[in-house]
Amino acid sequence: MKKILTMFFWVLLAACSENVDIEGSWIEPVPNMPELKQGFSLEHGGVAESINMATLQYYAWEIKDNILVLSGKSIGNHQTIEFTEEYEIASVDDNKIVLKNGDYVREFIRCTDCK
């Protein structure tokens, strides 16, 4: 039994430490308008861009201890406010990323023809 648990531990560790490249474009349905999509593009060098969000403009991203940090500007009402959003990367694979901030969960799919 101990041998089986040890093997399970190593398999689980290998699966969790597998590096998935999160660079690229990620989209989700717009709340209350599922026919429309919004999201962000994570580019090489920590550059981020918003997808279909004129008033919420991302410009930078980084990962710190499994936390995706997105920085940007909120533009509206004749003012611009700098912001930072932090999300735990709950799961990620080549096609889907799940981000959490407390009880708030967002699921994005990879988009190869977005930007």
N, C-alpha and C. Protein backbone atom coordinates (compact mmCIF):
# COMPACT_ATOMS: atom_id res chain seq x y z
N MET A 1 0.83 -1.20 0.00
CA MET A 1 0.00 0.00 0.00
C MET A 1 0.87 1.26 0.00
N LYS A 2 1.93 1.26 0.79
CA LYS A 2 2.82 2.41 0.85
C LYS A 2 3.46 2.67 -0.51
N LYS A 3 3.81 1.59 -1.21
CA LYS A 3 4.42 1.72 -2.53
C LYS A 3 3.43 2.35 -3.52
N ILE A 4 2.16 1.94 -3.46
CA ILE A 4 1.13 2.49 -4.35
C ILE A 4 0.92 3.98 -4.05
N LEU A 5 0.86 4.35 -2.78
CA LEU A 5 0.69 5.76 -2.42
C LEU A 5 1.88 6.59 -2.87
N THR A 6 3.07 6.06 -2.74
CA THR A 6 4.27 6.77 -3.17
C THR A 6 4.23 6.99 -4.68
N MET A 7 3.85 5.96 -5.44
CA MET A 7 3.76 6.11 -6.89
C MET A 7 2.69 7.14 -7.26
N PHE A 8 1.55 7.09 -6.57
CA PHE A 8 0.48 8.06 -6.82
C PHE A 8 0.97 9.48 -6.56
N PHE A 9 1.70 9.69 -5.49
CA PHE A 9 2.25 10.99 -5.14
C PHE A 9 3.14 11.51 -6.27
N TRP A 10 4.03 10.68 -6.78
CA TRP A 10 4.95 11.12 -7.84
C TRP A 10 4.23 11.40 -9.15
N VAL A 11 3.21 10.63 -9.47
CA VAL A 11 2.43 10.88 -10.67
C VAL A 11 1.68 12.20 -10.53
N LEU A 12 1.07 12.43 -9.37
CA LEU A 12 0.34 13.67 -9.11
C LEU A 12 1.29 14.87 -9.16
N LEU A 13 2.45 14.74 -8.57
CA LEU A 13 3.43 15.83 -8.56
C LEU A 13 3.86 16.15 -9.98
N ALA A 14 4.10 15.14 -10.78
CA ALA A 14 4.51 15.36 -12.17
C ALA A 14 3.41 16.07 -12.96
N ALA A 15 2.17 15.68 -12.74
CA ALA A 15 1.04 16.30 -13.45
C ALA A 15 0.88 17.76 -13.03
N CYS A 16 1.04 18.05 -11.76
CA CYS A 16 0.86 19.41 -11.27
C CYS A 16 2.00 20.33 -11.68
N SER A 17 3.19 19.78 -11.84
CA SER A 17 4.33 20.63 -12.15
C SER A 17 4.55 20.77 -13.65
N GLU A 18 3.70 20.12 -14.45
CA GLU A 18 3.82 20.22 -15.90
C GLU A 18 3.57 21.66 -16.30
N ASN A 19 4.49 22.22 -17.05
CA ASN A 19 4.36 23.62 -17.46
C ASN A 19 3.49 23.73 -18.70
N VAL A 20 2.41 24.46 -18.58
CA VAL A 20 1.55 24.76 -19.71
C VAL A 20 1.79 26.22 -20.05
N ASP A 21 2.03 26.48 -21.32
CA ASP A 21 2.27 27.84 -21.77
C ASP A 21 0.95 28.60 -21.78
N ILE A 22 0.83 29.62 -20.94
CA ILE A 22 -0.44 30.37 -20.89
C ILE A 22 -0.40 31.60 -21.79
N GLU A 23 0.72 31.82 -22.48
CA GLU A 23 0.73 32.92 -23.43
C GLU A 23 -0.27 32.64 -24.53
N GLY A 24 -0.94 33.68 -24.98
CA GLY A 24 -1.95 33.54 -26.02
C GLY A 24 -3.22 34.29 -25.63
N SER A 25 -4.26 34.09 -26.41
CA SER A 25 -5.53 34.78 -26.19
C SER A 25 -6.52 33.86 -25.49
N TRP A 26 -7.23 34.42 -24.50
CA TRP A 26 -8.20 33.68 -23.69
C TRP A 26 -9.50 34.47 -23.66
N ILE A 27 -10.63 33.78 -23.92
CA ILE A 27 -11.92 34.47 -23.96
C ILE A 27 -12.96 33.74 -23.10
N GLU A 28 -13.97 34.51 -22.72
CA GLU A 28 -15.13 34.01 -21.97
C GLU A 28 -16.37 34.72 -22.50
N PRO A 29 -17.55 34.17 -22.28
CA PRO A 29 -18.77 34.89 -22.67
C PRO A 29 -18.93 36.17 -21.85
N VAL A 30 -19.44 37.21 -22.48
CA VAL A 30 -19.76 38.45 -21.76
C VAL A 30 -20.96 38.15 -20.86
N PRO A 31 -20.90 38.52 -19.57
CA PRO A 31 -22.03 38.26 -18.68
C PRO A 31 -23.33 38.81 -19.26
N ASN A 32 -24.37 37.99 -19.24
CA ASN A 32 -25.71 38.31 -19.74
C ASN A 32 -25.79 38.51 -21.25
N MET A 33 -24.68 38.25 -21.96
CA MET A 33 -24.67 38.32 -23.43
C MET A 33 -23.75 37.21 -23.96
N PRO A 34 -24.14 35.96 -23.77
CA PRO A 34 -23.24 34.84 -24.10
C PRO A 34 -22.84 34.75 -25.56
N GLU A 35 -23.55 35.44 -26.45
CA GLU A 35 -23.17 35.41 -27.86
C GLU A 35 -21.93 36.26 -28.13
N LEU A 36 -21.59 37.16 -27.19
CA LEU A 36 -20.40 38.00 -27.30
C LEU A 36 -19.30 37.44 -26.42
N LYS A 37 -18.05 37.66 -26.83
CA LYS A 37 -16.90 37.15 -26.08
C LYS A 37 -16.00 38.31 -25.68
N GLN A 38 -15.32 38.14 -24.55
CA GLN A 38 -14.35 39.10 -24.05
C GLN A 38 -13.20 38.34 -23.42
N GLY A 39 -12.12 39.02 -23.19
CA GLY A 39 -11.00 38.34 -22.54
C GLY A 39 -9.72 39.15 -22.61
N PHE A 40 -8.61 38.42 -22.71
CA PHE A 40 -7.31 39.07 -22.70
C PHE A 40 -6.31 38.23 -23.49
N SER A 41 -5.29 38.91 -23.93
CA SER A 41 -4.18 38.26 -24.61
C SER A 41 -2.95 38.43 -23.73
N LEU A 42 -2.28 37.33 -23.43
CA LEU A 42 -1.06 37.33 -22.64
C LEU A 42 0.10 37.12 -23.59
N GLU A 43 0.90 38.14 -23.77
CA GLU A 43 1.98 38.10 -24.75
C GLU A 43 3.33 37.95 -24.07
N HIS A 44 4.30 37.54 -24.87
CA HIS A 44 5.67 37.35 -24.39
C HIS A 44 6.19 38.65 -23.77
N GLY A 45 6.94 38.52 -22.70
CA GLY A 45 7.51 39.68 -22.05
C GLY A 45 6.60 40.37 -21.07
N GLY A 46 5.46 39.73 -20.74
CA GLY A 46 4.57 40.31 -19.74
C GLY A 46 3.62 41.37 -20.27
N VAL A 47 3.47 41.44 -21.59
CA VAL A 47 2.55 42.40 -22.19
C VAL A 47 1.17 41.76 -22.28
N ALA A 48 0.14 42.50 -21.87
CA ALA A 48 -1.25 42.02 -21.94
C ALA A 48 -2.07 43.00 -22.76
N GLU A 49 -3.11 42.48 -23.39
CA GLU A 49 -4.06 43.31 -24.12
C GLU A 49 -5.46 42.79 -23.87
N SER A 50 -6.41 43.70 -23.80
CA SER A 50 -7.81 43.32 -23.65
C SER A 50 -8.38 42.88 -24.99
N ILE A 51 -9.35 41.99 -24.93
CA ILE A 51 -10.10 41.56 -26.12
C ILE A 51 -11.55 41.97 -25.91
N ASN A 52 -12.05 42.84 -26.78
CA ASN A 52 -13.45 43.31 -26.77
C ASN A 52 -13.85 43.99 -25.46
N MET A 53 -12.93 44.73 -24.86
CA MET A 53 -13.24 45.49 -23.64
C MET A 53 -12.62 46.88 -23.77
N ALA A 54 -13.37 47.81 -24.32
CA ALA A 54 -12.84 49.15 -24.58
C ALA A 54 -12.54 49.94 -23.31
N THR A 55 -13.31 49.73 -22.26
CA THR A 55 -13.13 50.54 -21.05
C THR A 55 -12.26 49.86 -20.00
N LEU A 56 -11.90 48.61 -20.23
CA LEU A 56 -11.02 47.88 -19.31
C LEU A 56 -9.82 47.41 -20.13
N GLN A 57 -8.72 48.15 -20.03
CA GLN A 57 -7.59 47.89 -20.89
C GLN A 57 -6.40 47.32 -20.10
N TYR A 58 -6.16 46.03 -20.31
CA TYR A 58 -5.00 45.38 -19.70
C TYR A 58 -3.74 45.79 -20.46
N TYR A 59 -2.63 45.92 -19.72
CA TYR A 59 -1.37 46.22 -20.39
C TYR A 59 -0.21 45.36 -19.90
N ALA A 60 -0.38 44.64 -18.76
CA ALA A 60 0.72 43.83 -18.25
C ALA A 60 0.20 42.61 -17.51
N TRP A 61 1.02 41.55 -17.46
CA TRP A 61 0.67 40.34 -16.71
C TRP A 61 1.94 39.70 -16.18
N GLU A 62 1.77 38.93 -15.10
CA GLU A 62 2.85 38.12 -14.55
C GLU A 62 2.25 37.03 -13.68
N ILE A 63 3.04 36.02 -13.40
CA ILE A 63 2.62 34.95 -12.50
C ILE A 63 3.51 34.98 -11.28
N LYS A 64 2.89 35.01 -10.10
CA LYS A 64 3.60 34.97 -8.82
C LYS A 64 3.00 33.85 -7.99
N ASP A 65 3.75 32.79 -7.75
CA ASP A 65 3.28 31.69 -6.90
C ASP A 65 1.89 31.20 -7.28
N ASN A 66 1.68 30.85 -8.54
CA ASN A 66 0.41 30.32 -9.05
C ASN A 66 -0.71 31.36 -9.05
N ILE A 67 -0.36 32.63 -8.97
CA ILE A 67 -1.31 33.73 -9.03
C ILE A 67 -1.06 34.50 -10.32
N LEU A 68 -2.11 34.63 -11.15
CA LEU A 68 -2.02 35.46 -12.34
C LEU A 68 -2.35 36.89 -11.95
N VAL A 69 -1.43 37.79 -12.20
CA VAL A 69 -1.60 39.21 -11.88
C VAL A 69 -1.78 39.96 -13.19
N LEU A 70 -2.93 40.60 -13.36
CA LEU A 70 -3.23 41.41 -14.54
C LEU A 70 -3.28 42.87 -14.13
N SER A 71 -2.57 43.72 -14.86
CA SER A 71 -2.58 45.15 -14.58
C SER A 71 -3.17 45.88 -15.77
N GLY A 72 -3.87 46.97 -15.47
CA GLY A 72 -4.48 47.71 -16.56
C GLY A 72 -5.03 49.05 -16.12
N LYS A 73 -5.84 49.60 -17.03
CA LYS A 73 -6.49 50.89 -16.79
C LYS A 73 -7.98 50.74 -17.05
N SER A 74 -8.78 51.28 -16.14
CA SER A 74 -10.22 51.36 -16.33
C SER A 74 -10.52 52.77 -16.81
N ILE A 75 -11.15 52.86 -17.98
CA ILE A 75 -11.37 54.14 -18.62
C ILE A 75 -12.87 54.42 -18.68
N GLY A 76 -13.28 55.55 -18.14
CA GLY A 76 -14.70 55.91 -18.19
C GLY A 76 -15.00 57.12 -17.36
N ASN A 77 -16.12 57.77 -17.66
CA ASN A 77 -16.58 58.94 -16.92
C ASN A 77 -15.49 60.01 -16.78
N HIS A 78 -14.77 60.24 -17.85
CA HIS A 78 -13.73 61.28 -17.90
C HIS A 78 -12.60 61.05 -16.91
N GLN A 79 -12.37 59.81 -16.55
CA GLN A 79 -11.25 59.50 -15.66
C GLN A 79 -10.65 58.15 -16.04
N THR A 80 -9.39 57.97 -15.70
CA THR A 80 -8.69 56.71 -15.93
C THR A 80 -8.12 56.26 -14.59
N ILE A 81 -8.44 55.02 -14.23
CA ILE A 81 -8.00 54.48 -12.93
C ILE A 81 -7.14 53.24 -13.19
N GLU A 82 -5.94 53.24 -12.64
CA GLU A 82 -5.06 52.08 -12.71
C GLU A 82 -5.61 50.99 -11.79
N PHE A 83 -5.47 49.72 -12.20
CA PHE A 83 -5.94 48.62 -11.36
C PHE A 83 -5.03 47.41 -11.53
N THR A 84 -5.13 46.52 -10.56
CA THR A 84 -4.46 45.22 -10.61
C THR A 84 -5.47 44.18 -10.16
N GLU A 85 -5.59 43.10 -10.94
CA GLU A 85 -6.45 41.97 -10.58
C GLU A 85 -5.55 40.77 -10.30
N GLU A 86 -5.89 39.99 -9.28
CA GLU A 86 -5.13 38.79 -8.95
C GLU A 86 -6.07 37.59 -8.92
N TYR A 87 -5.67 36.53 -9.62
CA TYR A 87 -6.46 35.31 -9.68
C TYR A 87 -5.58 34.10 -9.43
N GLU A 88 -6.04 33.22 -8.57
CA GLU A 88 -5.39 31.93 -8.42
C GLU A 88 -5.65 31.14 -9.70
N ILE A 89 -4.62 30.49 -10.22
CA ILE A 89 -4.80 29.62 -11.38
C ILE A 89 -5.27 28.27 -10.85
N ALA A 90 -6.59 28.05 -10.88
CA ALA A 90 -7.18 26.84 -10.33
C ALA A 90 -6.85 25.63 -11.19
N SER A 91 -6.89 25.82 -12.52
CA SER A 91 -6.49 24.76 -13.45
C SER A 91 -6.17 25.39 -14.79
N VAL A 92 -5.31 24.72 -15.52
CA VAL A 92 -4.95 25.20 -16.85
C VAL A 92 -4.49 24.01 -17.69
N ASP A 93 -4.90 24.03 -18.95
CA ASP A 93 -4.37 23.09 -19.92
C ASP A 93 -4.21 23.85 -21.23
N ASP A 94 -3.97 23.17 -22.31
CA ASP A 94 -3.72 23.85 -23.58
C ASP A 94 -4.92 24.63 -24.10
N ASN A 95 -6.13 24.30 -23.64
CA ASN A 95 -7.34 24.91 -24.20
C ASN A 95 -8.21 25.67 -23.21
N LYS A 96 -7.96 25.55 -21.91
CA LYS A 96 -8.85 26.15 -20.91
C LYS A 96 -8.04 26.58 -19.70
N ILE A 97 -8.42 27.74 -19.15
CA ILE A 97 -7.82 28.20 -17.89
C ILE A 97 -8.96 28.61 -16.96
N VAL A 98 -8.88 28.16 -15.72
CA VAL A 98 -9.88 28.49 -14.70
C VAL A 98 -9.17 29.36 -13.66
N LEU A 99 -9.72 30.56 -13.45
CA LEU A 99 -9.15 31.53 -12.52
C LEU A 99 -10.12 31.76 -11.37
N LYS A 100 -9.56 31.87 -10.15
CA LYS A 100 -10.39 32.09 -8.96
C LYS A 100 -9.88 33.28 -8.17
N ASN A 101 -10.85 34.03 -7.65
CA ASN A 101 -10.56 35.08 -6.68
C ASN A 101 -11.61 34.92 -5.60
N GLY A 102 -11.25 34.22 -4.53
CA GLY A 102 -12.23 33.87 -3.50
C GLY A 102 -13.24 32.90 -4.09
N ASP A 103 -14.54 33.25 -3.98
CA ASP A 103 -15.60 32.42 -4.55
C ASP A 103 -15.88 32.74 -6.01
N TYR A 104 -15.26 33.78 -6.52
CA TYR A 104 -15.48 34.22 -7.90
C TYR A 104 -14.61 33.37 -8.83
N VAL A 105 -15.26 32.64 -9.74
CA VAL A 105 -14.56 31.73 -10.67
C VAL A 105 -14.84 32.18 -12.10
N ARG A 106 -13.78 32.25 -12.89
CA ARG A 106 -13.90 32.60 -14.31
C ARG A 106 -13.24 31.51 -15.14
N GLU A 107 -13.93 31.07 -16.20
CA GLU A 107 -13.40 30.05 -17.09
C GLU A 107 -13.20 30.65 -18.48
N PHE A 108 -11.99 30.52 -18.98
CA PHE A 108 -11.64 31.05 -20.29
C PHE A 108 -11.21 29.90 -21.20
N ILE A 109 -11.49 30.05 -22.49
CA ILE A 109 -10.98 29.09 -23.46
C ILE A 109 -9.96 29.81 -24.35
N ARG A 110 -9.00 29.03 -24.85
CA ARG A 110 -7.98 29.60 -25.71
C ARG A 110 -8.61 29.95 -27.07
N CYS A 111 -8.23 31.08 -27.59
CA CYS A 111 -8.75 31.53 -28.88
C CYS A 111 -7.55 31.78 -29.79
N THR A 112 -7.49 31.04 -30.88
CA THR A 112 -6.35 31.17 -31.78
C THR A 112 -6.54 32.27 -32.84
N ASP A 113 -7.76 32.76 -33.01
CA ASP A 113 -7.99 33.80 -34.02
C ASP A 113 -8.56 35.09 -33.40
N CYS A 114 -8.22 35.35 -32.15
CA CYS A 114 -8.69 36.55 -31.45
C CYS A 114 -7.56 37.56 -31.34
N LYS A 115 -7.96 38.78 -31.12
CA LYS A 115 -7.07 39.87 -30.74
C LYS A 115 -7.52 41.18 -31.22
